C-alpha atoms as a PDB file:
ATOM      1  CA  MET A   1      38.461  20.917 162.393  1.00  0.00           C
ATOM      2  CA  LEU A   2      35.009  20.081 161.056  1.00  0.00           C
ATOM      3  CA  ALA A   3      33.871  23.629 161.795  1.00  0.00           C
ATOM      4  CA  GLY A   4      36.940  25.061 160.085  1.00  0.00           C
ATOM      5  CA  PHE A   5      38.569  26.592 163.143  1.00  0.00           C
ATOM      6  CA  SER A   6      41.739  24.607 162.582  1.00  0.00           C
ATOM      7  CA  LYS A   7      43.315  22.498 159.874  1.00  0.00           C
ATOM      8  CA  PRO A   8      44.168  18.824 160.301  1.00  0.00           C
ATOM      9  CA  SER A   9      47.800  18.112 161.145  1.00  0.00           C
ATOM     10  CA  ALA A  10      47.586  15.037 158.915  1.00  0.00           C
ATOM     11  CA  GLY A  11      45.111  13.731 156.372  1.00  0.00           C
ATOM     12  CA  GLN A  12      42.195  15.599 154.859  1.00  0.00           C
ATOM     13  CA  ILE A  13      38.600  16.481 155.545  1.00  0.00           C
ATOM     14  CA  LEU A  14      36.674  15.861 152.363  1.00  0.00           C
ATOM     15  CA  TRP A  15      33.208  17.111 151.485  1.00  0.00           C
ATOM     16  CA  ASN A  16      31.782  15.801 148.223  1.00  0.00           C
ATOM     17  CA  GLY A  17      35.299  14.634 147.371  1.00  0.00           C
ATOM     18  CA  HIS A  18      36.879  18.069 147.834  1.00  0.00           C
ATOM     19  CA  ASP A  19      39.313  19.225 150.512  1.00  0.00           C
ATOM     20  CA  VAL A  20      37.417  21.618 152.808  1.00  0.00           C
ATOM     21  CA  THR A  21      40.613  23.481 153.702  1.00  0.00           C
ATOM     22  CA  LYS A  22      40.575  25.030 150.219  1.00  0.00           C
ATOM     23  CA  SER A  23      38.880  28.432 150.485  1.00  0.00           C
ATOM     24  CA  GLY A  24      36.341  28.052 147.656  1.00  0.00           C
ATOM     25  CA  VAL A  25      35.341  24.606 148.874  1.00  0.00           C
ATOM     26  CA  PHE A  26      35.168  25.717 152.504  1.00  0.00           C
ATOM     27  CA  HIS A  27      32.778  28.547 151.635  1.00  0.00           C
ATOM     28  CA  GLN A  28      30.331  26.060 150.091  1.00  0.00           C
ATOM     29  CA  TYR A  29      30.899  23.478 152.841  1.00  0.00           C
ATOM     30  CA  LYS A  30      30.237  25.908 155.706  1.00  0.00           C
ATOM     31  CA  LEU A  31      26.840  26.719 154.189  1.00  0.00           C
ATOM     32  CA  GLN A  32      25.912  23.105 154.993  1.00  0.00           C
ATOM     33  CA  LEU A  33      26.940  23.353 158.667  1.00  0.00           C
ATOM     34  CA  ASN A  34      24.869  24.222 161.674  1.00  0.00           C
ATOM     35  CA  TRP A  35      26.875  24.511 164.866  1.00  0.00           C
ATOM     36  CA  LEU A  36      25.662  24.418 168.450  1.00  0.00           C
ATOM     37  CA  SER A  37      28.115  25.255 171.223  1.00  0.00           C
ATOM     38  CA  LEU A  38      28.126  26.123 174.901  1.00  0.00           C
ATOM     39  CA  LYS A  39      28.073  29.803 173.921  1.00  0.00           C
ATOM     40  CA  ASP A  40      24.421  30.204 173.059  1.00  0.00           C
ATOM     41  CA  ALA A  41      24.394  33.549 171.164  1.00  0.00           C
ATOM     42  CA  VAL A  42      21.004  34.331 172.701  1.00  0.00           C
ATOM     43  CA  LYS A  43      20.191  38.021 172.488  1.00  0.00           C
ATOM     44  CA  GLU A  44      18.578  38.709 175.854  1.00  0.00           C
ATOM     45  CA  LYS A  45      16.712  41.872 174.744  1.00  0.00           C
ATOM     46  CA  PHE A  46      15.066  40.019 171.842  1.00  0.00           C
ATOM     47  CA  THR A  47      12.006  37.849 172.302  1.00  0.00           C
ATOM     48  CA  VAL A  48      12.424  34.097 172.173  1.00  0.00           C
ATOM     49  CA  LEU A  49      10.796  34.075 168.726  1.00  0.00           C
ATOM     50  CA  ASP A  50      13.023  36.916 167.469  1.00  0.00           C
ATOM     51  CA  ASN A  51      16.096  34.929 168.531  1.00  0.00           C
ATOM     52  CA  VAL A  52      15.141  32.175 166.100  1.00  0.00           C
ATOM     53  CA  GLN A  53      13.681  34.378 163.362  1.00  0.00           C
ATOM     54  CA  TRP A  54      16.891  36.434 163.232  1.00  0.00           C
ATOM     55  CA  PHE A  55      18.838  33.329 162.181  1.00  0.00           C
ATOM     56  CA  GLU A  56      16.136  32.394 159.682  1.00  0.00           C
ATOM     57  CA  LEU A  57      16.368  35.882 158.189  1.00  0.00           C
ATOM     58  CA  LEU A  58      20.136  35.512 157.810  1.00  0.00           C
ATOM     59  CA  GLU A  59      19.506  32.226 155.974  1.00  0.00           C
ATOM     60  CA  GLY A  60      16.864  33.715 153.684  1.00  0.00           C
ATOM     61  CA  LYS A  61      14.312  31.341 155.169  1.00  0.00           C
ATOM     62  CA  GLN A  62      11.083  31.942 157.003  1.00  0.00           C
ATOM     63  CA  GLY A  63       8.172  30.167 158.612  1.00  0.00           C
ATOM     64  CA  ASN A  64      10.000  27.507 160.629  1.00  0.00           C
ATOM     65  CA  SER A  65      10.692  29.505 163.803  1.00  0.00           C
ATOM     66  CA  LEU A  66       7.402  29.113 165.654  1.00  0.00           C
ATOM     67  CA  PRO A  67       6.941  25.414 164.795  1.00  0.00           C
ATOM     68  CA  ALA A  68      10.536  24.776 165.944  1.00  0.00           C
ATOM     69  CA  LEU A  69       9.924  26.613 169.225  1.00  0.00           C
ATOM     70  CA  GLU A  70       6.689  24.679 169.767  1.00  0.00           C
ATOM     71  CA  LEU A  71       8.429  21.361 169.152  1.00  0.00           C
ATOM     72  CA  MET A  72      11.111  22.326 171.655  1.00  0.00           C
ATOM     73  CA  GLY A  73       8.468  23.209 174.266  1.00  0.00           C
ATOM     74  CA  LEU A  74       8.980  26.975 174.057  1.00  0.00           C
ATOM     75  CA  GLY A  75       5.901  27.996 172.073  1.00  0.00           C
ATOM     76  CA  ARG A  76       4.181  29.578 175.098  1.00  0.00           C
ATOM     77  CA  LEU A  77       7.317  31.688 175.710  1.00  0.00           C
ATOM     78  CA  ALA A  78       7.687  32.946 172.116  1.00  0.00           C
ATOM     79  CA  LYS A  79       6.797  36.557 172.971  1.00  0.00           C
ATOM     80  CA  GLU A  80       8.814  36.684 176.223  1.00  0.00           C
ATOM     81  CA  LYS A  81      12.225  38.335 176.402  1.00  0.00           C
ATOM     82  CA  ALA A  82      15.014  35.781 176.184  1.00  0.00           C
ATOM     83  CA  ARG A  83      16.604  37.095 179.403  1.00  0.00           C
ATOM     84  CA  MET A  84      13.784  35.318 181.279  1.00  0.00           C
ATOM     85  CA  LEU A  85      14.870  31.859 180.087  1.00  0.00           C
ATOM     86  CA  SER A  86      16.513  29.268 182.303  1.00  0.00           C
ATOM     87  CA  MET A  87      19.702  27.560 181.102  1.00  0.00           C
ATOM     88  CA  GLY A  88      17.711  24.551 179.915  1.00  0.00           C
ATOM     89  CA  GLN A  89      15.294  26.777 178.006  1.00  0.00           C
ATOM     90  CA  ARG A  90      18.222  28.613 176.411  1.00  0.00           C
ATOM     91  CA  LYS A  91      19.567  25.252 175.220  1.00  0.00           C
ATOM     92  CA  ARG A  92      16.119  24.402 173.820  1.00  0.00           C
ATOM     93  CA  LEU A  93      16.184  27.761 172.016  1.00  0.00           C
ATOM     94  CA  GLN A  94      19.502  26.833 170.430  1.00  0.00           C
ATOM     95  CA  LEU A  95      18.023  23.517 169.326  1.00  0.00           C
ATOM     96  CA  ALA A  96      15.012  25.331 167.851  1.00  0.00           C
ATOM     97  CA  ARG A  97      17.478  27.316 165.709  1.00  0.00           C
ATOM     98  CA  LEU A  98      18.925  24.067 164.374  1.00  0.00           C
ATOM     99  CA  LEU A  99      15.458  23.002 163.331  1.00  0.00           C
ATOM    100  CA  ALA A 100      14.444  26.355 161.833  1.00  0.00           C
ATOM    101  CA  ILE A 101      17.602  26.809 159.790  1.00  0.00           C
ATOM    102  CA  ASP A 102      17.587  23.163 158.678  1.00  0.00           C
ATOM    103  CA  ARG A 103      21.113  22.668 157.381  1.00  0.00           C
ATOM    104  CA  PRO A 104      22.220  19.100 156.604  1.00  0.00           C
ATOM    105  CA  ILE A 105      25.310  18.855 158.851  1.00  0.00           C
ATOM    106  CA  TRP A 106      24.976  19.468 162.593  1.00  0.00           C
ATOM    107  CA  LEU A 107      28.039  19.967 164.793  1.00  0.00           C
ATOM    108  CA  LEU A 108      26.852  19.703 168.398  1.00  0.00           C
ATOM    109  CA  ASP A 109      29.196  20.516 171.273  1.00  0.00           C
ATOM    110  CA  GLU A 110      27.740  19.257 174.565  1.00  0.00           C
ATOM    111  CA  PRO A 111      24.136  19.593 173.348  1.00  0.00           C
ATOM    112  CA  SER A 112      22.563  18.006 176.430  1.00  0.00           C
ATOM    113  CA  VAL A 113      24.209  20.303 178.998  1.00  0.00           C
ATOM    114  CA  ALA A 114      21.486  22.052 181.076  1.00  0.00           C
ATOM    115  CA  LEU A 115      18.702  19.882 179.656  1.00  0.00           C
ATOM    116  CA  ASP A 116      16.429  17.899 181.956  1.00  0.00           C
ATOM    117  CA  ASP A 117      15.475  14.288 181.144  1.00  0.00           C
ATOM    118  CA  ASP A 118      12.597  15.400 178.888  1.00  0.00           C
ATOM    119  CA  GLY A 119      14.919  17.804 177.087  1.00  0.00           C
ATOM    120  CA  VAL A 120      17.478  15.043 176.472  1.00  0.00           C
ATOM    121  CA  ARG A 121      14.748  12.783 175.049  1.00  0.00           C
ATOM    122  CA  LEU A 122      13.661  15.644 172.782  1.00  0.00           C
ATOM    123  CA  LEU A 123      17.276  16.135 171.687  1.00  0.00           C
ATOM    124  CA  GLU A 124      17.541  12.416 170.890  1.00  0.00           C
ATOM    125  CA  TYR A 125      14.291  12.644 168.915  1.00  0.00           C
ATOM    126  CA  ILE A 126      15.350  15.625 166.778  1.00  0.00           C
ATOM    127  CA  ILE A 127      18.733  14.001 166.087  1.00  0.00           C
ATOM    128  CA  ALA A 128      16.976  10.791 164.967  1.00  0.00           C
ATOM    129  CA  GLU A 129      14.551  12.738 162.747  1.00  0.00           C
ATOM    130  CA  HIS A 130      17.379  14.770 161.200  1.00  0.00           C
ATOM    131  CA  ARG A 131      19.281  11.583 160.415  1.00  0.00           C
ATOM    132  CA  LYS A 132      16.150   9.954 158.906  1.00  0.00           C
ATOM    133  CA  LYS A 133      16.028  12.863 156.431  1.00  0.00           C
ATOM    134  CA  GLY A 134      19.651  12.181 155.447  1.00  0.00           C
ATOM    135  CA  GLY A 135      21.239  14.675 157.824  1.00  0.00           C
ATOM    136  CA  ILE A 136      24.609  14.161 159.457  1.00  0.00           C
ATOM    137  CA  VAL A 137      25.182  14.791 163.157  1.00  0.00           C
ATOM    138  CA  PHE A 138      28.520  15.053 164.970  1.00  0.00           C
ATOM    139  CA  VAL A 139      28.195  15.156 168.751  1.00  0.00           C
ATOM    140  CA  ALA A 140      30.957  15.901 171.257  1.00  0.00           C
ATOM    141  CA  THR A 141      29.670  14.987 174.693  1.00  0.00           C
ATOM    142  CA  HIS A 142      30.539  13.705 178.132  1.00  0.00           C
ATOM    143  CA  LEU A 143      26.910  12.789 178.843  1.00  0.00           C
ATOM    144  CA  PRO A 144      25.101   9.823 177.311  1.00  0.00           C
ATOM    145  CA  ILE A 145      22.858  10.551 174.329  1.00  0.00           C
ATOM    146  CA  LYS A 146      21.060   7.685 172.606  1.00  0.00           C
ATOM    147  CA  ILE A 147      21.754   7.765 168.874  1.00  0.00           C
ATOM    148  CA  GLU A 148      20.824   4.683 166.866  1.00  0.00           C
ATOM    149  CA  ASP A 149      23.698   3.196 164.843  1.00  0.00           C
ATOM    150  CA  ALA A 150      26.112   5.858 166.105  1.00  0.00           C
ATOM    151  CA  MET A 151      29.823   5.551 165.457  1.00  0.00           C
ATOM    152  CA  TYR A 152      31.833   6.418 168.569  1.00  0.00           C
ATOM    153  CA  LEU A 153      35.277   7.922 168.638  1.00  0.00           C
ATOM    154  CA  ARG A 154      36.755   8.033 172.117  1.00  0.00           C
ATOM    155  CA  LEU A 155      39.744  10.308 172.318  1.00  0.00           C
ATOM    156  CA  PRO A 156      42.580   9.658 174.747  1.00  0.00           C
ATOM    157  CA  ALA A 157      43.009  12.078 177.610  1.00  0.00           C
ATOM    158  CA  ARG A 158      44.963  15.126 176.484  1.00  0.00           C
ATOM    159  CA  PHE A 159      46.746  15.549 179.764  1.00  0.00           C
ATOM    160  CA  PRO A 160      47.568  12.827 182.272  1.00  0.00           C
ATOM    161  CA  ARG A 161      45.029  12.837 185.083  1.00  0.00           C
ATOM    162  CA  ARG A 162      46.432  13.323 188.548  1.00  0.00           C
ATOM    163  CA  MET A 163      45.252  11.143 191.377  1.00  0.00           C
ATOM    164  CA  THR A 164      42.718  12.923 193.565  1.00  0.00           C
ATOM    165  CA  LEU A 165      41.892  12.374 197.217  1.00  0.00           C
ATOM    166  CA  VAL A 166      38.792  10.430 196.169  1.00  0.00           C
ATOM    167  CA  ASP A 167      40.956   8.165 193.981  1.00  0.00           C
ATOM    168  CA  MET A 168      43.280   7.531 196.928  1.00  0.00           C
ATOM    169  CA  LEU A 169      40.383   6.685 199.222  1.00  0.00           C
ATOM    170  CA  ASP A 170      38.901   4.308 196.639  1.00  0.00           C
ATOM    171  CA  ARG A 171      42.115   2.312 196.277  1.00  0.00           C
ATOM    172  CA  ALA A 172      41.837  -1.131 197.795  1.00  0.00           C
ATOM    173  CA  ASP A 173      45.360  -1.187 199.199  1.00  0.00           C
ATOM    174  CA  ILE A 174      44.750   1.784 201.513  1.00  0.00           C
ATOM    175  CA  SER A 175      42.996   0.964 204.769  1.00  0.00           C
END
């Protein structure tokens, strides 16, 4: 709903006091959003640097791509084709885009997937820095990410979970 893919079944999503489901408001609101999902939108024939600069160009911005890649540990790979990147490096590339585009609201869907421990610490760092500058970060995750003063919303399971063999073996009443 925050990304505008669906409307709330009840209540409202307000941005600056205006309902984001109204088309004129949504157009202005979406210009504040930066969304990271499991689909990385990495163009494999482009260089790593081109993959970030392309998004900067679309934003009418420039000059943040290389510093963002360096911060994310990809500076030495800037001129390599993106097809050479591991899954963790592709995730770091996505995070570099967040930094280069620099929009105030980040919607992050499973941002730590494929990252090693150093990558997760870097993710935690860039989230903290974004928030220090007044940015807003929404994170949907199954993996722990340290975010100071975070508000947690735990959703109930959508579908009842069936008992697995492991669950049966773990039960105390079965010998």
